[in-house]
Amino acid sequence: MSMSRDQCESVALSVESLLNDAKRMQMQ
């Protein structure tokens, strides 16, 4: 089962967003 390029980018953006949220929460 392979993911399309768009799906990979979407997952990468979601992970990046989650990491940013985690950093923000850690600072808070």
mmCIF file of all heavy atoms, coordinates in Angstrom:
data_MODEL
# 
_entry.id   MODEL 
# 
loop_
_atom_site.group_PDB 
_atom_site.id 
_atom_site.type_symbol 
_atom_site.label_atom_id 
_atom_site.label_alt_id 
_atom_site.label_comp_id 
_atom_site.label_asym_id 
_atom_site.label_entity_id 
_atom_site.label_seq_id 
_atom_site.pdbx_PDB_ins_code 
_atom_site.Cartn_x 
_atom_site.Cartn_y 
_atom_site.Cartn_z 
_atom_site.occupancy 
_atom_site.B_iso_or_equiv 
_atom_site.pdbx_formal_charge 
_atom_site.auth_seq_id 
_atom_site.auth_comp_id 
_atom_site.auth_asym_id 
_atom_site.auth_atom_id 
_atom_site.pdbx_PDB_model_num 
ATOM 1   N N   . MET A 1 1  ? 0.853  -1.174 0.000  1.00 0.00 ? 1  MET A N   1 
ATOM 2   C CA  . MET A 1 1  ? 0.000  0.000  0.000  1.00 0.00 ? 1  MET A CA  1 
ATOM 3   C C   . MET A 1 1  ? 0.895  1.232  0.000  1.00 0.00 ? 1  MET A C   1 
ATOM 4   O O   . MET A 1 1  ? 1.608  1.469  0.955  1.00 0.00 ? 1  MET A O   1 
ATOM 5   C CB  . MET A 1 1  ? -0.891 -0.050 1.242  1.00 0.00 ? 1  MET A CB  1 
ATOM 6   C CG  . MET A 1 1  ? -1.688 1.161  1.452  1.00 0.00 ? 1  MET A CG  1 
ATOM 7   S SD  . MET A 1 1  ? -2.772 0.854  2.854  1.00 0.00 ? 1  MET A SD  1 
ATOM 8   C CE  . MET A 1 1  ? -3.165 2.464  3.273  1.00 0.00 ? 1  MET A CE  1 
ATOM 9   N N   . SER A 1 2  ? 0.854  1.987  -1.051 1.00 0.00 ? 2  SER A N   1 
ATOM 10  C CA  . SER A 1 2  ? 1.684  3.181  -1.151 1.00 0.00 ? 2  SER A CA  1 
ATOM 11  C C   . SER A 1 2  ? 0.795  4.407  -1.121 1.00 0.00 ? 2  SER A C   1 
ATOM 12  O O   . SER A 1 2  ? -0.363 4.377  -1.520 1.00 0.00 ? 2  SER A O   1 
ATOM 13  C CB  . SER A 1 2  ? 2.518  3.131  -2.424 1.00 0.00 ? 2  SER A CB  1 
ATOM 14  O OG  . SER A 1 2  ? 1.666  3.190  -3.543 1.00 0.00 ? 2  SER A OG  1 
ATOM 15  N N   . MET A 1 3  ? 1.402  5.508  -0.625 1.00 0.00 ? 3  MET A N   1 
ATOM 16  C CA  . MET A 1 3  ? 0.643  6.757  -0.521 1.00 0.00 ? 3  MET A CA  1 
ATOM 17  C C   . MET A 1 3  ? 1.039  7.662  -1.695 1.00 0.00 ? 3  MET A C   1 
ATOM 18  O O   . MET A 1 3  ? 2.177  7.643  -2.148 1.00 0.00 ? 3  MET A O   1 
ATOM 19  C CB  . MET A 1 3  ? 0.962  7.456  0.799  1.00 0.00 ? 3  MET A CB  1 
ATOM 20  C CG  . MET A 1 3  ? 0.488  6.662  1.988  1.00 0.00 ? 3  MET A CG  1 
ATOM 21  S SD  . MET A 1 3  ? 0.767  7.353  3.641  1.00 0.00 ? 3  MET A SD  1 
ATOM 22  C CE  . MET A 1 3  ? 1.256  8.988  3.489  1.00 0.00 ? 3  MET A CE  1 
ATOM 23  N N   . SER A 1 4  ? 0.076  8.460  -2.091 1.00 0.00 ? 4  SER A N   1 
ATOM 24  C CA  . SER A 1 4  ? 0.368  9.413  -3.166 1.00 0.00 ? 4  SER A CA  1 
ATOM 25  C C   . SER A 1 4  ? 1.201  10.561 -2.611 1.00 0.00 ? 4  SER A C   1 
ATOM 26  O O   . SER A 1 4  ? 1.317  10.742 -1.400 1.00 0.00 ? 4  SER A O   1 
ATOM 27  C CB  . SER A 1 4  ? -0.926 9.940  -3.764 1.00 0.00 ? 4  SER A CB  1 
ATOM 28  O OG  . SER A 1 4  ? -1.566 10.798 -2.844 1.00 0.00 ? 4  SER A OG  1 
ATOM 29  N N   . ARG A 1 5  ? 1.766  11.295 -3.497 1.00 0.00 ? 5  ARG A N   1 
ATOM 30  C CA  . ARG A 1 5  ? 2.583  12.442 -3.100 1.00 0.00 ? 5  ARG A CA  1 
ATOM 31  C C   . ARG A 1 5  ? 1.751  13.427 -2.266 1.00 0.00 ? 5  ARG A C   1 
ATOM 32  O O   . ARG A 1 5  ? 2.214  13.947 -1.259 1.00 0.00 ? 5  ARG A O   1 
ATOM 33  C CB  . ARG A 1 5  ? 3.157  13.111 -4.349 1.00 0.00 ? 5  ARG A CB  1 
ATOM 34  C CG  . ARG A 1 5  ? 4.049  14.287 -4.037 1.00 0.00 ? 5  ARG A CG  1 
ATOM 35  C CD  . ARG A 1 5  ? 4.607  14.863 -5.347 1.00 0.00 ? 5  ARG A CD  1 
ATOM 36  N NE  . ARG A 1 5  ? 5.282  16.096 -5.122 1.00 0.00 ? 5  ARG A NE  1 
ATOM 37  C CZ  . ARG A 1 5  ? 6.582  16.214 -4.931 1.00 0.00 ? 5  ARG A CZ  1 
ATOM 38  N NH1 . ARG A 1 5  ? 7.335  15.145 -4.955 1.00 0.00 ? 5  ARG A NH1 1 
ATOM 39  N NH2 . ARG A 1 5  ? 7.113  17.395 -4.739 1.00 0.00 ? 5  ARG A NH2 1 
ATOM 40  N N   . ASP A 1 6  ? 0.507  13.696 -2.679 1.00 0.00 ? 6  ASP A N   1 
ATOM 41  C CA  . ASP A 1 6  ? -0.377 14.614 -1.953 1.00 0.00 ? 6  ASP A CA  1 
ATOM 42  C C   . ASP A 1 6  ? -0.658 14.098 -0.542 1.00 0.00 ? 6  ASP A C   1 
ATOM 43  O O   . ASP A 1 6  ? -0.685 14.871 0.415  1.00 0.00 ? 6  ASP A O   1 
ATOM 44  C CB  . ASP A 1 6  ? -1.698 14.805 -2.705 1.00 0.00 ? 6  ASP A CB  1 
ATOM 45  C CG  . ASP A 1 6  ? -1.541 15.652 -3.957 1.00 0.00 ? 6  ASP A CG  1 
ATOM 46  O OD1 . ASP A 1 6  ? -0.499 16.349 -4.075 1.00 0.00 ? 6  ASP A OD1 1 
ATOM 47  O OD2 . ASP A 1 6  ? -2.452 15.627 -4.800 1.00 0.00 ? 6  ASP A OD2 1 
ATOM 48  N N   . GLN A 1 7  ? -0.868 12.784 -0.440 1.00 0.00 ? 7  GLN A N   1 
ATOM 49  C CA  . GLN A 1 7  ? -1.129 12.194 0.881  1.00 0.00 ? 7  GLN A CA  1 
ATOM 50  C C   . GLN A 1 7  ? 0.104  12.330 1.776  1.00 0.00 ? 7  GLN A C   1 
ATOM 51  O O   . GLN A 1 7  ? -0.017 12.639 2.957  1.00 0.00 ? 7  GLN A O   1 
ATOM 52  C CB  . GLN A 1 7  ? -1.520 10.723 0.747  1.00 0.00 ? 7  GLN A CB  1 
ATOM 53  C CG  . GLN A 1 7  ? -2.904 10.516 0.175  1.00 0.00 ? 7  GLN A CG  1 
ATOM 54  C CD  . GLN A 1 7  ? -3.209 9.046  -0.085 1.00 0.00 ? 7  GLN A CD  1 
ATOM 55  O OE1 . GLN A 1 7  ? -2.322 8.275  -0.479 1.00 0.00 ? 7  GLN A OE1 1 
ATOM 56  N NE2 . GLN A 1 7  ? -4.464 8.658  0.117  1.00 0.00 ? 7  GLN A NE2 1 
ATOM 57  N N   . CYS A 1 8  ? 1.281  12.095 1.201  1.00 0.00 ? 8  CYS A N   1 
ATOM 58  C CA  . CYS A 1 8  ? 2.529  12.235 1.971  1.00 0.00 ? 8  CYS A CA  1 
ATOM 59  C C   . CYS A 1 8  ? 2.697  13.676 2.453  1.00 0.00 ? 8  CYS A C   1 
ATOM 60  O O   . CYS A 1 8  ? 3.063  13.921 3.607  1.00 0.00 ? 8  CYS A O   1 
ATOM 61  C CB  . CYS A 1 8  ? 3.734  11.829 1.121  1.00 0.00 ? 8  CYS A CB  1 
ATOM 62  S SG  . CYS A 1 8  ? 3.875  10.056 0.904  1.00 0.00 ? 8  CYS A SG  1 
ATOM 63  N N   . GLU A 1 9  ? 2.441  14.635 1.551  1.00 0.00 ? 9  GLU A N   1 
ATOM 64  C CA  . GLU A 1 9  ? 2.565  16.042 1.940  1.00 0.00 ? 9  GLU A CA  1 
ATOM 65  C C   . GLU A 1 9  ? 1.539  16.403 3.010  1.00 0.00 ? 9  GLU A C   1 
ATOM 66  O O   . GLU A 1 9  ? 1.837  17.142 3.948  1.00 0.00 ? 9  GLU A O   1 
ATOM 67  C CB  . GLU A 1 9  ? 2.400  16.940 0.707  1.00 0.00 ? 9  GLU A CB  1 
ATOM 68  C CG  . GLU A 1 9  ? 3.607  16.941 -0.190 1.00 0.00 ? 9  GLU A CG  1 
ATOM 69  C CD  . GLU A 1 9  ? 3.424  17.826 -1.418 1.00 0.00 ? 9  GLU A CD  1 
ATOM 70  O OE1 . GLU A 1 9  ? 2.525  18.701 -1.405 1.00 0.00 ? 9  GLU A OE1 1 
ATOM 71  O OE2 . GLU A 1 9  ? 4.191  17.651 -2.372 1.00 0.00 ? 9  GLU A OE2 1 
ATOM 72  N N   . SER A 1 10 ? 0.352  15.879 2.888  1.00 0.00 ? 10 SER A N   1 
ATOM 73  C CA  . SER A 1 10 ? -0.703 16.138 3.863  1.00 0.00 ? 10 SER A CA  1 
ATOM 74  C C   . SER A 1 10 ? -0.315 15.592 5.234  1.00 0.00 ? 10 SER A C   1 
ATOM 75  O O   . SER A 1 10 ? -0.479 16.252 6.262  1.00 0.00 ? 10 SER A O   1 
ATOM 76  C CB  . SER A 1 10 ? -2.013 15.528 3.392  1.00 0.00 ? 10 SER A CB  1 
ATOM 77  O OG  . SER A 1 10 ? -3.014 15.694 4.351  1.00 0.00 ? 10 SER A OG  1 
ATOM 78  N N   . VAL A 1 11 ? 0.225  14.359 5.243  1.00 0.00 ? 11 VAL A N   1 
ATOM 79  C CA  . VAL A 1 11 ? 0.679  13.749 6.502  1.00 0.00 ? 11 VAL A CA  1 
ATOM 80  C C   . VAL A 1 11 ? 1.828  14.567 7.087  1.00 0.00 ? 11 VAL A C   1 
ATOM 81  O O   . VAL A 1 11 ? 1.866  14.855 8.286  1.00 0.00 ? 11 VAL A O   1 
ATOM 82  C CB  . VAL A 1 11 ? 1.091  12.269 6.283  1.00 0.00 ? 11 VAL A CB  1 
ATOM 83  C CG1 . VAL A 1 11 ? 1.809  11.725 7.497  1.00 0.00 ? 11 VAL A CG1 1 
ATOM 84  C CG2 . VAL A 1 11 ? -0.135 11.432 5.963  1.00 0.00 ? 11 VAL A CG2 1 
ATOM 85  N N   . ALA A 1 12 ? 2.769  14.984 6.233  1.00 0.00 ? 12 ALA A N   1 
ATOM 86  C CA  . ALA A 1 12 ? 3.918  15.773 6.690  1.00 0.00 ? 12 ALA A CA  1 
ATOM 87  C C   . ALA A 1 12 ? 3.450  17.096 7.292  1.00 0.00 ? 12 ALA A C   1 
ATOM 88  O O   . ALA A 1 12 ? 3.936  17.518 8.348  1.00 0.00 ? 12 ALA A O   1 
ATOM 89  C CB  . ALA A 1 12 ? 4.896  16.008 5.543  1.00 0.00 ? 12 ALA A CB  1 
ATOM 90  N N   . LEU A 1 13 ? 2.488  17.752 6.645  1.00 0.00 ? 13 LEU A N   1 
ATOM 91  C CA  . LEU A 1 13 ? 1.960  19.008 7.176  1.00 0.00 ? 13 LEU A CA  1 
ATOM 92  C C   . LEU A 1 13 ? 1.241  18.787 8.506  1.00 0.00 ? 13 LEU A C   1 
ATOM 93  O O   . LEU A 1 13 ? 1.367  19.592 9.438  1.00 0.00 ? 13 LEU A O   1 
ATOM 94  C CB  . LEU A 1 13 ? 1.007  19.657 6.160  1.00 0.00 ? 13 LEU A CB  1 
ATOM 95  C CG  . LEU A 1 13 ? 1.659  20.286 4.929  1.00 0.00 ? 13 LEU A CG  1 
ATOM 96  C CD1 . LEU A 1 13 ? 0.589  20.746 3.935  1.00 0.00 ? 13 LEU A CD1 1 
ATOM 97  C CD2 . LEU A 1 13 ? 2.548  21.455 5.332  1.00 0.00 ? 13 LEU A CD2 1 
ATOM 98  N N   . SER A 1 14 ? 0.500  17.695 8.591  1.00 0.00 ? 14 SER A N   1 
ATOM 99  C CA  . SER A 1 14 ? -0.198 17.378 9.841  1.00 0.00 ? 14 SER A CA  1 
ATOM 100 C C   . SER A 1 14 ? 0.801  17.134 10.968 1.00 0.00 ? 14 SER A C   1 
ATOM 101 O O   . SER A 1 14 ? 0.637  17.625 12.092 1.00 0.00 ? 14 SER A O   1 
ATOM 102 C CB  . SER A 1 14 ? -1.089 16.153 9.675  1.00 0.00 ? 14 SER A CB  1 
ATOM 103 O OG  . SER A 1 14 ? -2.142 16.429 8.789  1.00 0.00 ? 14 SER A OG  1 
ATOM 104 N N   . VAL A 1 15 ? 1.854  16.378 10.669 1.00 0.00 ? 15 VAL A N   1 
ATOM 105 C CA  . VAL A 1 15 ? 2.886  16.095 11.679 1.00 0.00 ? 15 VAL A CA  1 
ATOM 106 C C   . VAL A 1 15 ? 3.575  17.398 12.089 1.00 0.00 ? 15 VAL A C   1 
ATOM 107 O O   . VAL A 1 15 ? 3.801  17.659 13.276 1.00 0.00 ? 15 VAL A O   1 
ATOM 108 C CB  . VAL A 1 15 ? 3.901  15.057 11.144 1.00 0.00 ? 15 VAL A CB  1 
ATOM 109 C CG1 . VAL A 1 15 ? 5.110  14.970 12.055 1.00 0.00 ? 15 VAL A CG1 1 
ATOM 110 C CG2 . VAL A 1 15 ? 3.232  13.700 10.999 1.00 0.00 ? 15 VAL A CG2 1 
ATOM 111 N N   . GLU A 1 16 ? 3.880  18.238 11.116 1.00 0.00 ? 16 GLU A N   1 
ATOM 112 C CA  . GLU A 1 16 ? 4.535  19.523 11.404 1.00 0.00 ? 16 GLU A CA  1 
ATOM 113 C C   . GLU A 1 16 ? 3.629  20.393 12.283 1.00 0.00 ? 16 GLU A C   1 
ATOM 114 O O   . GLU A 1 16 ? 4.077  21.009 13.247 1.00 0.00 ? 16 GLU A O   1 
ATOM 115 C CB  . GLU A 1 16 ? 4.855  20.232 10.091 1.00 0.00 ? 16 GLU A CB  1 
ATOM 116 C CG  . GLU A 1 16 ? 5.729  21.458 10.264 1.00 0.00 ? 16 GLU A CG  1 
ATOM 117 C CD  . GLU A 1 16 ? 6.106  22.069 8.920  1.00 0.00 ? 16 GLU A CD  1 
ATOM 118 O OE1 . GLU A 1 16 ? 6.289  21.338 7.937  1.00 0.00 ? 16 GLU A OE1 1 
ATOM 119 O OE2 . GLU A 1 16 ? 6.205  23.309 8.876  1.00 0.00 ? 16 GLU A OE2 1 
ATOM 120 N N   . SER A 1 17 ? 2.344  20.405 11.950 1.00 0.00 ? 17 SER A N   1 
ATOM 121 C CA  . SER A 1 17 ? 1.382  21.180 12.736 1.00 0.00 ? 17 SER A CA  1 
ATOM 122 C C   . SER A 1 17 ? 1.299  20.642 14.166 1.00 0.00 ? 17 SER A C   1 
ATOM 123 O O   . SER A 1 17 ? 1.277  21.407 15.137 1.00 0.00 ? 17 SER A O   1 
ATOM 124 C CB  . SER A 1 17 ? 0.017  21.133 12.060 1.00 0.00 ? 17 SER A CB  1 
ATOM 125 O OG  . SER A 1 17 ? -0.943 21.790 12.849 1.00 0.00 ? 17 SER A OG  1 
ATOM 126 N N   . LEU A 1 18 ? 1.271  19.299 14.289 1.00 0.00 ? 18 LEU A N   1 
ATOM 127 C CA  . LEU A 1 18 ? 1.220  18.687 15.619 1.00 0.00 ? 18 LEU A CA  1 
ATOM 128 C C   . LEU A 1 18 ? 2.477  19.008 16.423 1.00 0.00 ? 18 LEU A C   1 
ATOM 129 O O   . LEU A 1 18 ? 2.403  19.285 17.628 1.00 0.00 ? 18 LEU A O   1 
ATOM 130 C CB  . LEU A 1 18 ? 1.037  17.172 15.510 1.00 0.00 ? 18 LEU A CB  1 
ATOM 131 C CG  . LEU A 1 18 ? -0.339 16.695 15.051 1.00 0.00 ? 18 LEU A CG  1 
ATOM 132 C CD1 . LEU A 1 18 ? -0.315 15.191 14.778 1.00 0.00 ? 18 LEU A CD1 1 
ATOM 133 C CD2 . LEU A 1 18 ? -1.395 17.041 16.080 1.00 0.00 ? 18 LEU A CD2 1 
ATOM 134 N N   . LEU A 1 19 ? 3.635  18.983 15.769 1.00 0.00 ? 19 LEU A N   1 
ATOM 135 C CA  . LEU A 1 19 ? 4.887  19.319 16.453 1.00 0.00 ? 19 LEU A CA  1 
ATOM 136 C C   . LEU A 1 19 ? 4.882  20.776 16.915 1.00 0.00 ? 19 LEU A C   1 
ATOM 137 O O   . LEU A 1 19 ? 5.320  21.089 18.031 1.00 0.00 ? 19 LEU A O   1 
ATOM 138 C CB  . LEU A 1 19 ? 6.088  19.055 15.541 1.00 0.00 ? 19 LEU A CB  1 
ATOM 139 C CG  . LEU A 1 19 ? 6.449  17.586 15.317 1.00 0.00 ? 19 LEU A CG  1 
ATOM 140 C CD1 . LEU A 1 19 ? 7.545  17.464 14.257 1.00 0.00 ? 19 LEU A CD1 1 
ATOM 141 C CD2 . LEU A 1 19 ? 6.894  16.936 16.618 1.00 0.00 ? 19 LEU A CD2 1 
ATOM 142 N N   . ASN A 1 20 ? 4.398  21.668 16.063 1.00 0.00 ? 20 ASN A N   1 
ATOM 143 C CA  . ASN A 1 20 ? 4.296  23.086 16.448 1.00 0.00 ? 20 ASN A CA  1 
ATOM 144 C C   . ASN A 1 20 ? 3.351  23.269 17.633 1.00 0.00 ? 20 ASN A C   1 
ATOM 145 O O   . ASN A 1 20 ? 3.629  24.029 18.565 1.00 0.00 ? 20 ASN A O   1 
ATOM 146 C CB  . ASN A 1 20 ? 3.855  23.945 15.256 1.00 0.00 ? 20 ASN A CB  1 
ATOM 147 C CG  . ASN A 1 20 ? 4.963  24.127 14.240 1.00 0.00 ? 20 ASN A CG  1 
ATOM 148 O OD1 . ASN A 1 20 ? 6.138  24.062 14.570 1.00 0.00 ? 20 ASN A OD1 1 
ATOM 149 N ND2 . ASN A 1 20 ? 4.585  24.369 12.991 1.00 0.00 ? 20 ASN A ND2 1 
ATOM 150 N N   . ASP A 1 21 ? 2.215  22.567 17.586 1.00 0.00 ? 21 ASP A N   1 
ATOM 151 C CA  . ASP A 1 21 ? 1.265  22.621 18.706 1.00 0.00 ? 21 ASP A CA  1 
ATOM 152 C C   . ASP A 1 21 ? 1.918  22.107 19.988 1.00 0.00 ? 21 ASP A C   1 
ATOM 153 O O   . ASP A 1 21 ? 1.746  22.695 21.057 1.00 0.00 ? 21 ASP A O   1 
ATOM 154 C CB  . ASP A 1 21 ? 0.010  21.806 18.402 1.00 0.00 ? 21 ASP A CB  1 
ATOM 155 C CG  . ASP A 1 21 ? -0.885 22.455 17.358 1.00 0.00 ? 21 ASP A CG  1 
ATOM 156 O OD1 . ASP A 1 21 ? -0.676 23.655 17.054 1.00 0.00 ? 21 ASP A OD1 1 
ATOM 157 O OD2 . ASP A 1 21 ? -1.787 21.761 16.843 1.00 0.00 ? 21 ASP A OD2 1 
ATOM 158 N N   . ALA A 1 22 ? 2.667  21.012 19.858 1.00 0.00 ? 22 ALA A N   1 
ATOM 159 C CA  . ALA A 1 22 ? 3.332  20.435 21.036 1.00 0.00 ? 22 ALA A CA  1 
ATOM 160 C C   . ALA A 1 22 ? 4.357  21.414 21.609 1.00 0.00 ? 22 ALA A C   1 
ATOM 161 O O   . ALA A 1 22 ? 4.442  21.586 22.832 1.00 0.00 ? 22 ALA A O   1 
ATOM 162 C CB  . ALA A 1 22 ? 3.995  19.109 20.677 1.00 0.00 ? 22 ALA A CB  1 
ATOM 163 N N   . LYS A 1 23 ? 5.133  22.078 20.739 1.00 0.00 ? 23 LYS A N   1 
ATOM 164 C CA  . LYS A 1 23 ? 6.116  23.076 21.201 1.00 0.00 ? 23 LYS A CA  1 
ATOM 165 C C   . LYS A 1 23 ? 5.421  24.236 21.898 1.00 0.00 ? 23 LYS A C   1 
ATOM 166 O O   . LYS A 1 23 ? 5.864  24.711 22.944 1.00 0.00 ? 23 LYS A O   1 
ATOM 167 C CB  . LYS A 1 23 ? 6.944  23.594 20.023 1.00 0.00 ? 23 LYS A CB  1 
ATOM 168 C CG  . LYS A 1 23 ? 7.961  22.619 19.511 1.00 0.00 ? 23 LYS A CG  1 
ATOM 169 C CD  . LYS A 1 23 ? 8.711  23.209 18.312 1.00 0.00 ? 23 LYS A CD  1 
ATOM 170 C CE  . LYS A 1 23 ? 9.630  22.174 17.688 1.00 0.00 ? 23 LYS A CE  1 
ATOM 171 N NZ  . LYS A 1 23 ? 10.292 22.679 16.468 1.00 0.00 ? 23 LYS A NZ  1 
ATOM 172 N N   . ARG A 1 24 ? 4.322  24.703 21.302 1.00 0.00 ? 24 ARG A N   1 
ATOM 173 C CA  . ARG A 1 24 ? 3.566  25.812 21.892 1.00 0.00 ? 24 ARG A CA  1 
ATOM 174 C C   . ARG A 1 24 ? 3.024  25.424 23.271 1.00 0.00 ? 24 ARG A C   1 
ATOM 175 O O   . ARG A 1 24 ? 3.144  26.173 24.233 1.00 0.00 ? 24 ARG A O   1 
ATOM 176 C CB  . ARG A 1 24 ? 2.428  26.225 20.948 1.00 0.00 ? 24 ARG A CB  1 
ATOM 177 C CG  . ARG A 1 24 ? 1.629  27.426 21.423 1.00 0.00 ? 24 ARG A CG  1 
ATOM 178 C CD  . ARG A 1 24 ? 0.500  27.778 20.439 1.00 0.00 ? 24 ARG A CD  1 
ATOM 179 N NE  . ARG A 1 24 ? -0.246 26.639 19.933 1.00 0.00 ? 24 ARG A NE  1 
ATOM 180 C CZ  . ARG A 1 24 ? -1.198 25.985 20.616 1.00 0.00 ? 24 ARG A CZ  1 
ATOM 181 N NH1 . ARG A 1 24 ? -1.493 26.349 21.836 1.00 0.00 ? 24 ARG A NH1 1 
ATOM 182 N NH2 . ARG A 1 24 ? -1.836 24.958 20.074 1.00 0.00 ? 24 ARG A NH2 1 
ATOM 183 N N   . MET A 1 25 ? 2.469  24.213 23.358 1.00 0.00 ? 25 MET A N   1 
ATOM 184 C CA  . MET A 1 25 ? 1.933  23.754 24.641 1.00 0.00 ? 25 MET A CA  1 
ATOM 185 C C   . MET A 1 25 ? 3.039  23.574 25.676 1.00 0.00 ? 25 MET A C   1 
ATOM 186 O O   . MET A 1 25 ? 2.864  23.881 26.857 1.00 0.00 ? 25 MET A O   1 
ATOM 187 C CB  . MET A 1 25 ? 1.154  22.450 24.446 1.00 0.00 ? 25 MET A CB  1 
ATOM 188 C CG  . MET A 1 25 ? -0.190 22.659 23.805 1.00 0.00 ? 25 MET A CG  1 
ATOM 189 S SD  . MET A 1 25 ? -1.233 21.208 23.936 1.00 0.00 ? 25 MET A SD  1 
ATOM 190 C CE  . MET A 1 25 ? -1.023 20.510 22.313 1.00 0.00 ? 25 MET A CE  1 
ATOM 191 N N   . GLN A 1 26 ? 4.196  23.095 25.220 1.00 0.00 ? 26 GLN A N   1 
ATOM 192 C CA  . GLN A 1 26 ? 5.332  22.925 26.121 1.00 0.00 ? 26 GLN A CA  1 
ATOM 193 C C   . GLN A 1 26 ? 5.761  24.286 26.688 1.00 0.00 ? 26 GLN A C   1 
ATOM 194 O O   . GLN A 1 26 ? 6.031  24.417 27.879 1.00 0.00 ? 26 GLN A O   1 
ATOM 195 C CB  . GLN A 1 26 ? 6.488  22.257 25.384 1.00 0.00 ? 26 GLN A CB  1 
ATOM 196 C CG  . GLN A 1 26 ? 7.659  21.897 26.284 1.00 0.00 ? 26 GLN A CG  1 
ATOM 197 C CD  . GLN A 1 26 ? 8.774  21.214 25.499 1.00 0.00 ? 26 GLN A CD  1 
ATOM 198 O OE1 . GLN A 1 26 ? 8.977  21.497 24.321 1.00 0.00 ? 26 GLN A OE1 1 
ATOM 199 N NE2 . GLN A 1 26 ? 9.478  20.322 26.157 1.00 0.00 ? 26 GLN A NE2 1 
ATOM 200 N N   . MET A 1 27 ? 5.801  25.302 25.839 1.00 0.00 ? 27 MET A N   1 
ATOM 201 C CA  . MET A 1 27 ? 6.158  26.655 26.292 1.00 0.00 ? 27 MET A CA  1 
ATOM 202 C C   . MET A 1 27 ? 5.119  27.186 27.276 1.00 0.00 ? 27 MET A C   1 
ATOM 203 O O   . MET A 1 27 ? 5.467  27.783 28.303 1.00 0.00 ? 27 MET A O   1 
ATOM 204 C CB  . MET A 1 27 ? 6.285  27.613 25.095 1.00 0.00 ? 27 MET A CB  1 
ATOM 205 C CG  . MET A 1 27 ? 7.536  27.426 24.278 1.00 0.00 ? 27 MET A CG  1 
ATOM 206 S SD  . MET A 1 27 ? 9.052  27.692 25.227 1.00 0.00 ? 27 MET A SD  1 
ATOM 207 C CE  . MET A 1 27 ? 8.861  29.416 25.661 1.00 0.00 ? 27 MET A CE  1 
ATOM 208 N N   . GLN A 1 28 ? 3.857  26.950 26.970 1.00 0.00 ? 28 GLN A N   1 
ATOM 209 C CA  . GLN A 1 28 ? 2.798  27.387 27.879 1.00 0.00 ? 28 GLN A CA  1 
ATOM 210 C C   . GLN A 1 28 ? 2.934  26.699 29.232 1.00 0.00 ? 28 GLN A C   1 
ATOM 211 O O   . GLN A 1 28 ? 2.771  27.323 30.279 1.00 0.00 ? 28 GLN A O   1 
ATOM 212 C CB  . GLN A 1 28 ? 1.420  27.102 27.283 1.00 0.00 ? 28 GLN A CB  1 
ATOM 213 C CG  . GLN A 1 28 ? 1.040  28.007 26.132 1.00 0.00 ? 28 GLN A CG  1 
ATOM 214 C CD  . GLN A 1 28 ? -0.284 27.613 25.484 1.00 0.00 ? 28 GLN A CD  1 
ATOM 215 O OE1 . GLN A 1 28 ? -0.800 26.514 25.697 1.00 0.00 ? 28 GLN A OE1 1 
ATOM 216 N NE2 . GLN A 1 28 ? -0.830 28.520 24.665 1.00 0.00 ? 28 GLN A NE2 1 
# 
